Amino acid sequence: MTILLSTLNARYAHASLGLRYLLANMGELQGRTRLQEFVIGAKTTEVVEKLLSHAPRIIGFGVYIWNVDETTKVVAMLKRIAPG
């Protein structure tokens, strides 16, 4: 099982501390958990392709006021392409 933690950051220079805290506290699941960050403005299809390339069982998103719309688009596409 792979768990993927992801977010869409405002810029490349910004890192998601919240996701890093989650990753650091995954306990026995930490070895099976990956972190994948993107930048707002990335093509939705490219984000989805990169996420699915890890064959995750679970994807968790860090959602913030600045990335709600784009994250919603990514999740909608994921549900269409990989509904399981």
C-alpha atoms as a PDB file:
ATOM      1  CA  MET A   1       0.000   0.000   0.000  1.00  0.00           C
ATOM      2  CA  THR A   2       1.271   3.436  -0.909  1.00  0.00           C
ATOM      3  CA  ILE A   3       0.017   6.601   0.734  1.00  0.00           C
ATOM      4  CA  LEU A   4       0.619   9.826  -1.146  1.00  0.00           C
ATOM      5  CA  LEU A   5       0.504  13.241   0.529  1.00  0.00           C
ATOM      6  CA  SER A   6       0.191  16.065  -1.969  1.00  0.00           C
ATOM      7  CA  THR A   7      -0.592  19.742  -2.332  1.00  0.00           C
ATOM      8  CA  LEU A   8      -0.514  22.605  -4.798  1.00  0.00           C
ATOM      9  CA  ASN A   9       1.814  25.286  -3.455  1.00  0.00           C
ATOM     10  CA  ALA A  10       1.616  28.957  -4.384  1.00  0.00           C
ATOM     11  CA  ARG A  11       5.275  28.896  -5.549  1.00  0.00           C
ATOM     12  CA  TYR A  12       8.189  26.488  -5.849  1.00  0.00           C
ATOM     13  CA  ALA A  13       9.865  28.267  -2.941  1.00  0.00           C
ATOM     14  CA  HIS A  14       6.952  27.425  -0.638  1.00  0.00           C
ATOM     15  CA  ALA A  15       6.932  24.025   1.019  1.00  0.00           C
ATOM     16  CA  SER A  16       4.004  22.448   2.800  1.00  0.00           C
ATOM     17  CA  LEU A  17       5.012  22.156   6.441  1.00  0.00           C
ATOM     18  CA  GLY A  18       1.691  20.549   7.325  1.00  0.00           C
ATOM     19  CA  LEU A  19       2.307  17.625   4.991  1.00  0.00           C
ATOM     20  CA  ARG A  20       5.848  17.264   6.293  1.00  0.00           C
ATOM     21  CA  TYR A  21       4.516  17.056   9.854  1.00  0.00           C
ATOM     22  CA  LEU A  22       2.064  14.375   8.755  1.00  0.00           C
ATOM     23  CA  LEU A  23       4.827  12.447   7.007  1.00  0.00           C
ATOM     24  CA  ALA A  24       7.080  12.667  10.056  1.00  0.00           C
ATOM     25  CA  ASN A  25       4.294  11.255  12.231  1.00  0.00           C
ATOM     26  CA  MET A  26       3.099   8.391  10.032  1.00  0.00           C
ATOM     27  CA  GLY A  27       4.653   5.872  12.400  1.00  0.00           C
ATOM     28  CA  GLU A  28       4.879   2.391  10.898  1.00  0.00           C
ATOM     29  CA  LEU A  29       3.318   3.691   7.657  1.00  0.00           C
ATOM     30  CA  GLN A  30       6.058   6.261   7.065  1.00  0.00           C
ATOM     31  CA  GLY A  31       8.061   3.897   4.864  1.00  0.00           C
ATOM     32  CA  ARG A  32       5.064   3.494   2.579  1.00  0.00           C
ATOM     33  CA  THR A  33       4.203   7.190   2.459  1.00  0.00           C
ATOM     34  CA  ARG A  34       5.428   9.614  -0.195  1.00  0.00           C
ATOM     35  CA  LEU A  35       5.265  13.379  -0.501  1.00  0.00           C
ATOM     36  CA  GLN A  36       4.530  14.984  -3.884  1.00  0.00           C
ATOM     37  CA  GLU A  37       4.174  18.752  -4.233  1.00  0.00           C
ATOM     38  CA  PHE A  38       3.098  20.798  -7.212  1.00  0.00           C
ATOM     39  CA  VAL A  39       2.679  24.484  -7.988  1.00  0.00           C
ATOM     40  CA  ILE A  40      -0.586  26.262  -8.699  1.00  0.00           C
ATOM     41  CA  GLY A  41      -0.911  26.662 -12.436  1.00  0.00           C
ATOM     42  CA  ALA A  42       0.378  23.187 -13.274  1.00  0.00           C
ATOM     43  CA  LYS A  43      -1.835  21.389 -15.777  1.00  0.00           C
ATOM     44  CA  THR A  44      -4.439  19.295 -14.012  1.00  0.00           C
ATOM     45  CA  THR A  45      -3.798  16.339 -16.314  1.00  0.00           C
ATOM     46  CA  GLU A  46      -0.068  16.415 -15.578  1.00  0.00           C
ATOM     47  CA  VAL A  47      -0.682  16.566 -11.822  1.00  0.00           C
ATOM     48  CA  VAL A  48      -3.071  13.605 -12.015  1.00  0.00           C
ATOM     49  CA  GLU A  49      -0.660  11.586 -14.182  1.00  0.00           C
ATOM     50  CA  LYS A  50       2.202  12.173 -11.760  1.00  0.00           C
ATOM     51  CA  LEU A  51       0.050  11.271  -8.760  1.00  0.00           C
ATOM     52  CA  LEU A  52      -1.197   8.062 -10.358  1.00  0.00           C
ATOM     53  CA  SER A  53       2.316   7.089 -11.490  1.00  0.00           C
ATOM     54  CA  HIS A  54       3.004   6.185  -7.839  1.00  0.00           C
ATOM     55  CA  ALA A  55       0.030   3.771  -7.863  1.00  0.00           C
ATOM     56  CA  PRO A  56      -1.217   5.111  -4.517  1.00  0.00           C
ATOM     57  CA  ARG A  57      -3.893   3.381  -2.494  1.00  0.00           C
ATOM     58  CA  ILE A  58      -4.610   6.601  -0.573  1.00  0.00           C
ATOM     59  CA  ILE A  59      -4.031  10.228  -1.606  1.00  0.00           C
ATOM     60  CA  GLY A  60      -4.261  12.986   0.985  1.00  0.00           C
ATOM     61  CA  PHE A  61      -4.284  16.644  -0.035  1.00  0.00           C
ATOM     62  CA  GLY A  62      -3.208  19.714   1.866  1.00  0.00           C
ATOM     63  CA  VAL A  63      -5.937  22.204   0.986  1.00  0.00           C
ATOM     64  CA  TYR A  64      -5.518  25.889   1.662  1.00  0.00           C
ATOM     65  CA  ILE A  65      -7.447  29.007   0.687  1.00  0.00           C
ATOM     66  CA  TRP A  66      -5.143  29.596  -2.301  1.00  0.00           C
ATOM     67  CA  ASN A  67      -5.435  26.101  -3.800  1.00  0.00           C
ATOM     68  CA  VAL A  68      -9.046  25.048  -3.184  1.00  0.00           C
ATOM     69  CA  ASP A  69     -10.215  25.478  -6.784  1.00  0.00           C
ATOM     70  CA  GLU A  70      -7.292  23.693  -8.411  1.00  0.00           C
ATOM     71  CA  THR A  71      -7.263  20.912  -5.826  1.00  0.00           C
ATOM     72  CA  THR A  72     -10.983  20.370  -6.439  1.00  0.00           C
ATOM     73  CA  LYS A  73     -10.280  19.978 -10.175  1.00  0.00           C
ATOM     74  CA  VAL A  74      -7.509  17.460  -9.474  1.00  0.00           C
ATOM     75  CA  VAL A  75      -9.737  15.428  -7.148  1.00  0.00           C
ATOM     76  CA  ALA A  76     -12.608  15.445  -9.663  1.00  0.00           C
ATOM     77  CA  MET A  77     -10.310  14.158 -12.402  1.00  0.00           C
ATOM     78  CA  LEU A  78      -8.864  11.501 -10.097  1.00  0.00           C
ATOM     79  CA  LYS A  79     -12.393  10.310  -9.301  1.00  0.00           C
ATOM     80  CA  ARG A  80     -13.178  10.010 -13.024  1.00  0.00           C
ATOM     81  CA  ILE A  81      -9.933   8.273 -14.011  1.00  0.00           C
ATOM     82  CA  ALA A  82      -9.288   6.088 -10.960  1.00  0.00           C
ATOM     83  CA  PRO A  83     -12.552   5.853  -9.012  1.00  0.00           C
ATOM     84  CA  GLY A  84     -11.486   2.951  -6.765  1.00  0.00           C
END
